[in-house]
N, C-alpha and C. Protein backbone atom coordinates (compact mmCIF):
# COMPACT_ATOMS: atom_id res chain seq x y z
N MET A 1 -61.80 -90.25 -53.11
CA MET A 1 -61.13 -91.19 -52.28
C MET A 1 -62.24 -92.74 -52.40
N SER A 2 -61.86 -93.96 -52.40
CA SER A 2 -62.38 -95.29 -52.69
C SER A 2 -63.45 -95.17 -50.68
N VAL A 3 -63.83 -96.13 -51.17
CA VAL A 3 -64.05 -96.62 -49.58
C VAL A 3 -63.17 -96.78 -48.89
N ARG A 4 -62.74 -98.49 -49.30
CA ARG A 4 -61.31 -98.49 -48.68
C ARG A 4 -60.75 -97.69 -48.03
N ARG A 5 -59.99 -96.72 -48.09
CA ARG A 5 -59.55 -95.55 -47.64
C ARG A 5 -59.79 -94.45 -47.07
N LEU A 6 -61.92 -94.96 -47.19
CA LEU A 6 -62.02 -93.79 -45.77
C LEU A 6 -62.17 -94.19 -44.99
N LEU A 7 -62.29 -95.99 -44.90
CA LEU A 7 -62.05 -96.33 -43.73
C LEU A 7 -60.41 -97.03 -43.20
N ALA A 8 -59.54 -96.70 -43.80
CA ALA A 8 -58.39 -96.62 -43.62
C ALA A 8 -57.88 -95.32 -42.20
N ILE A 9 -58.02 -94.06 -42.50
CA ILE A 9 -57.45 -92.95 -42.01
C ILE A 9 -58.74 -93.25 -40.34
N PRO A 10 -59.92 -93.25 -40.27
CA PRO A 10 -59.32 -93.37 -38.68
C PRO A 10 -59.46 -94.53 -37.94
N LEU A 11 -59.35 -95.44 -39.14
CA LEU A 11 -58.24 -96.46 -38.40
C LEU A 11 -57.06 -96.65 -37.96
N ALA A 12 -56.09 -96.01 -38.73
CA ALA A 12 -55.29 -95.80 -37.83
C ALA A 12 -55.40 -94.71 -37.55
N VAL A 13 -55.96 -93.24 -37.15
CA VAL A 13 -56.00 -92.35 -36.54
C VAL A 13 -56.29 -93.44 -34.46
N CYS A 14 -57.15 -94.52 -34.51
CA CYS A 14 -58.08 -95.10 -33.32
C CYS A 14 -56.97 -96.01 -32.99
N LEU A 15 -56.01 -96.30 -34.02
CA LEU A 15 -54.69 -97.87 -33.12
C LEU A 15 -53.89 -96.49 -33.22
N VAL A 16 -52.99 -95.08 -33.51
CA VAL A 16 -52.04 -94.38 -33.10
C VAL A 16 -52.79 -94.37 -31.15
N ALA A 17 -54.10 -94.16 -31.37
CA ALA A 17 -54.47 -93.16 -30.28
C ALA A 17 -54.72 -93.67 -28.59
N LEU A 18 -54.84 -95.31 -29.36
CA LEU A 18 -54.63 -96.58 -28.12
C LEU A 18 -53.18 -96.82 -27.88
N GLY A 19 -52.07 -96.35 -29.34
CA GLY A 19 -50.55 -96.88 -28.30
C GLY A 19 -50.04 -96.28 -27.78
N VAL A 20 -50.53 -94.74 -27.76
CA VAL A 20 -50.22 -93.61 -26.21
C VAL A 20 -50.87 -93.52 -25.43
N ALA A 21 -51.91 -94.40 -26.09
CA ALA A 21 -52.26 -93.60 -24.77
C ALA A 21 -51.81 -95.40 -23.39
N GLY A 22 -51.20 -96.02 -24.00
CA GLY A 22 -50.92 -98.01 -24.35
C GLY A 22 -49.23 -96.68 -22.77
N CYS A 23 -49.10 -96.36 -23.70
CA CYS A 23 -48.11 -95.98 -23.40
C CYS A 23 -47.46 -95.09 -22.34
N GLY A 24 -48.45 -94.14 -21.75
CA GLY A 24 -48.45 -93.38 -20.59
C GLY A 24 -49.24 -93.52 -19.34
N GLU A 25 -48.86 -95.29 -19.88
CA GLU A 25 -49.16 -95.79 -17.96
C GLU A 25 -47.70 -95.84 -16.73
N LYS A 26 -48.34 -95.20 -15.46
CA LYS A 26 -46.70 -96.19 -15.26
C LYS A 26 -46.64 -96.63 -13.70
N PRO A 27 -46.35 -97.10 -12.98
CA PRO A 27 -46.63 -98.55 -12.80
C PRO A 27 -47.13 -97.58 -11.07
N GLN A 28 -47.85 -97.78 -10.41
CA GLN A 28 -47.98 -97.87 -8.96
C GLN A 28 -47.80 -98.55 -7.95
N VAL A 29 -47.04 -98.28 -7.09
CA VAL A 29 -46.14 -98.35 -6.51
C VAL A 29 -47.06 -98.03 -4.42
N VAL A 30 -46.72 -99.09 -4.09
CA VAL A 30 -47.45 -98.90 -2.74
C VAL A 30 -45.35 -98.38 -1.76
N ASN A 31 -46.00 -97.04 -1.01
CA ASN A 31 -44.45 -96.86 0.11
C ASN A 31 -44.85 -97.75 1.48
N TYR A 32 -44.87 -98.79 2.09
CA TYR A 32 -45.05 -99.37 3.06
C TYR A 32 -43.98 -99.59 4.11
N LYS A 33 -43.93 -99.31 4.95
CA LYS A 33 -42.88 -99.04 5.97
C LYS A 33 -42.82 -100.31 6.50
N GLN A 34 -42.06 -100.71 6.88
CA GLN A 34 -42.29 -102.09 8.18
C GLN A 34 -42.42 -102.09 9.48
N GLY A 35 -43.93 -102.32 9.50
CA GLY A 35 -43.76 -102.27 10.74
C GLY A 35 -44.52 -101.62 12.15
N LYS A 36 -45.48 -100.92 10.07
CA LYS A 36 -46.69 -99.15 10.78
C LYS A 36 -47.62 -99.45 9.72
N TYR A 37 -48.63 -99.99 10.74
CA TYR A 37 -49.64 -99.59 9.65
C TYR A 37 -50.89 -99.24 9.52
N GLN A 38 -50.73 -97.87 7.99
CA GLN A 38 -51.30 -97.00 7.55
C GLN A 38 -52.47 -97.15 8.18
N GLY A 39 -53.17 -98.32 7.72
CA GLY A 39 -55.09 -98.15 7.67
C GLY A 39 -56.06 -97.46 9.44
N LYS A 40 -56.82 -97.57 9.42
CA LYS A 40 -57.82 -97.67 11.09
C LYS A 40 -57.47 -99.33 11.65
N PRO A 41 -57.36 -98.68 12.88
CA PRO A 41 -57.62 -99.57 13.83
C PRO A 41 -58.92 -100.31 13.47
N ASP A 42 -58.70 -100.39 14.97
CA ASP A 42 -60.22 -101.61 14.45
C ASP A 42 -60.09 -102.69 16.24
N SER A 43 -61.73 -102.24 16.13
CA SER A 43 -61.90 -103.12 17.28
C SER A 43 -62.67 -104.43 16.36
N PRO A 44 -62.63 -105.20 17.70
CA PRO A 44 -63.28 -107.15 17.35
C PRO A 44 -65.30 -106.29 17.67
N SER A 45 -65.54 -107.27 16.40
CA SER A 45 -66.89 -106.72 15.77
C SER A 45 -67.53 -106.23 17.21
N TRP A 46 -67.33 -107.57 17.85
CA TRP A 46 -68.30 -107.96 19.84
C TRP A 46 -68.48 -106.83 20.46
N GLU A 47 -67.46 -105.88 20.26
CA GLU A 47 -67.31 -104.80 21.08
C GLU A 47 -68.78 -103.21 20.02
N ASN A 48 -69.68 -103.71 20.78
CA ASN A 48 -70.28 -102.10 20.25
C ASN A 48 -71.02 -102.09 21.16
N GLU A 49 -72.18 -101.36 20.79
CA GLU A 49 -73.12 -101.12 22.54
C GLU A 49 -74.19 -102.20 21.81
N ARG A 50 -74.49 -102.62 21.63
CA ARG A 50 -75.77 -103.85 20.83
C ARG A 50 -74.76 -104.86 21.56
N PHE A 51 -73.48 -105.85 21.81
CA PHE A 51 -73.28 -106.91 22.37
C PHE A 51 -72.58 -106.88 23.20
N LYS A 52 -71.53 -105.28 23.41
CA LYS A 52 -70.96 -105.49 25.52
C LYS A 52 -69.39 -105.85 25.71
N GLY A 53 -69.16 -105.89 24.62
CA GLY A 53 -68.42 -106.71 24.56
C GLY A 53 -69.16 -108.82 24.58
N ASP A 54 -69.75 -108.92 24.52
CA ASP A 54 -69.92 -110.18 24.25
C ASP A 54 -69.88 -111.23 23.28
N GLN A 55 -68.97 -111.58 23.48
CA GLN A 55 -67.72 -112.70 22.15
C GLN A 55 -69.16 -113.88 22.16
N THR A 56 -69.63 -114.59 22.88
CA THR A 56 -70.80 -115.13 22.57
C THR A 56 -71.63 -115.15 22.87
N ALA A 57 -72.60 -113.71 22.18
CA ALA A 57 -73.61 -113.87 21.81
C ALA A 57 -73.70 -112.92 20.74
N TRP A 58 -72.50 -112.44 20.40
CA TRP A 58 -72.05 -112.31 18.98
C TRP A 58 -71.90 -113.28 18.02
N GLU A 59 -71.26 -114.32 18.43
CA GLU A 59 -71.00 -115.75 17.78
C GLU A 59 -72.14 -116.65 17.69
N LYS A 60 -73.46 -116.01 18.40
CA LYS A 60 -74.48 -117.38 18.30
C LYS A 60 -75.28 -116.23 17.05
N GLN A 61 -75.25 -114.90 17.24
CA GLN A 61 -76.44 -113.89 16.52
C GLN A 61 -75.69 -115.08 15.31
N LEU A 62 -74.32 -114.07 15.19
CA LEU A 62 -73.21 -114.78 13.58
C LEU A 62 -74.35 -115.67 12.65
N ARG A 63 -74.73 -116.83 13.69
CA ARG A 63 -74.57 -118.29 13.44
C ARG A 63 -76.89 -118.82 12.88
N GLN A 64 -77.59 -117.70 13.98
CA GLN A 64 -78.88 -117.61 13.12
C GLN A 64 -78.70 -116.86 11.71
N ARG A 65 -77.39 -115.96 11.75
CA ARG A 65 -78.23 -114.75 11.02
C ARG A 65 -77.86 -115.97 9.57
N ASN A 66 -76.86 -116.57 9.87
CA ASN A 66 -75.90 -117.79 8.57
C ASN A 66 -76.74 -118.42 8.31
N LEU A 67 -77.76 -119.25 9.11
CA LEU A 67 -78.59 -119.78 9.04
C LEU A 67 -79.64 -119.81 8.57
N ALA A 68 -80.73 -118.70 8.79
CA ALA A 68 -81.37 -117.98 7.31
C ALA A 68 -80.92 -117.53 6.16
N GLN A 69 -79.17 -117.63 6.20
CA GLN A 69 -79.68 -116.95 4.56
C GLN A 69 -79.36 -118.54 3.84
N ASN A 70 -79.02 -119.74 4.68
CA ASN A 70 -79.82 -120.68 4.03
C ASN A 70 -80.42 -121.58 2.93
N GLU A 71 -80.33 -120.50 1.69
CA GLU A 71 -81.54 -121.76 1.09
C GLU A 71 -81.66 -123.42 1.11
N TYR A 72 -80.98 -124.16 0.97
CA TYR A 72 -81.20 -124.59 1.78
C TYR A 72 -82.29 -125.36 2.80
N LEU A 73 -82.13 -124.92 4.21
CA LEU A 73 -82.73 -125.17 4.84
C LEU A 73 -84.37 -124.39 4.87
N ARG A 74 -83.91 -123.08 4.81
CA ARG A 74 -85.08 -121.76 3.93
C ARG A 74 -86.14 -122.62 2.77
N THR A 75 -86.10 -123.42 2.12
CA THR A 75 -86.95 -124.76 1.24
C THR A 75 -87.88 -126.16 2.39
N ASN A 76 -86.89 -125.86 3.18
CA ASN A 76 -86.79 -128.13 2.91
C ASN A 76 -87.27 -127.33 3.70
C-alpha cells in the first residue's frame, strides 16, 4: 500500500465520525411558563447579618471596595 492510501483511510474515518457526531445534536429548548419565575427567590444584598437592612451602609461599603480596586488611584 502506498503512503497516500495509508493516510486516506484514517482521514476518511475521521470525517465520517465528525459527520455522524454533528447530526446527533438535539435542540435545547427552555420551557418557560409566563409569569412564573423558576429561579431562587432572592432578597436585596443589604438584607443580611452584616448590614442589617441598612442600604446606605451597603452602598458606602460597595463604593469603598470599588475605589480600593481602582489601579489608577492605587498607583498615584
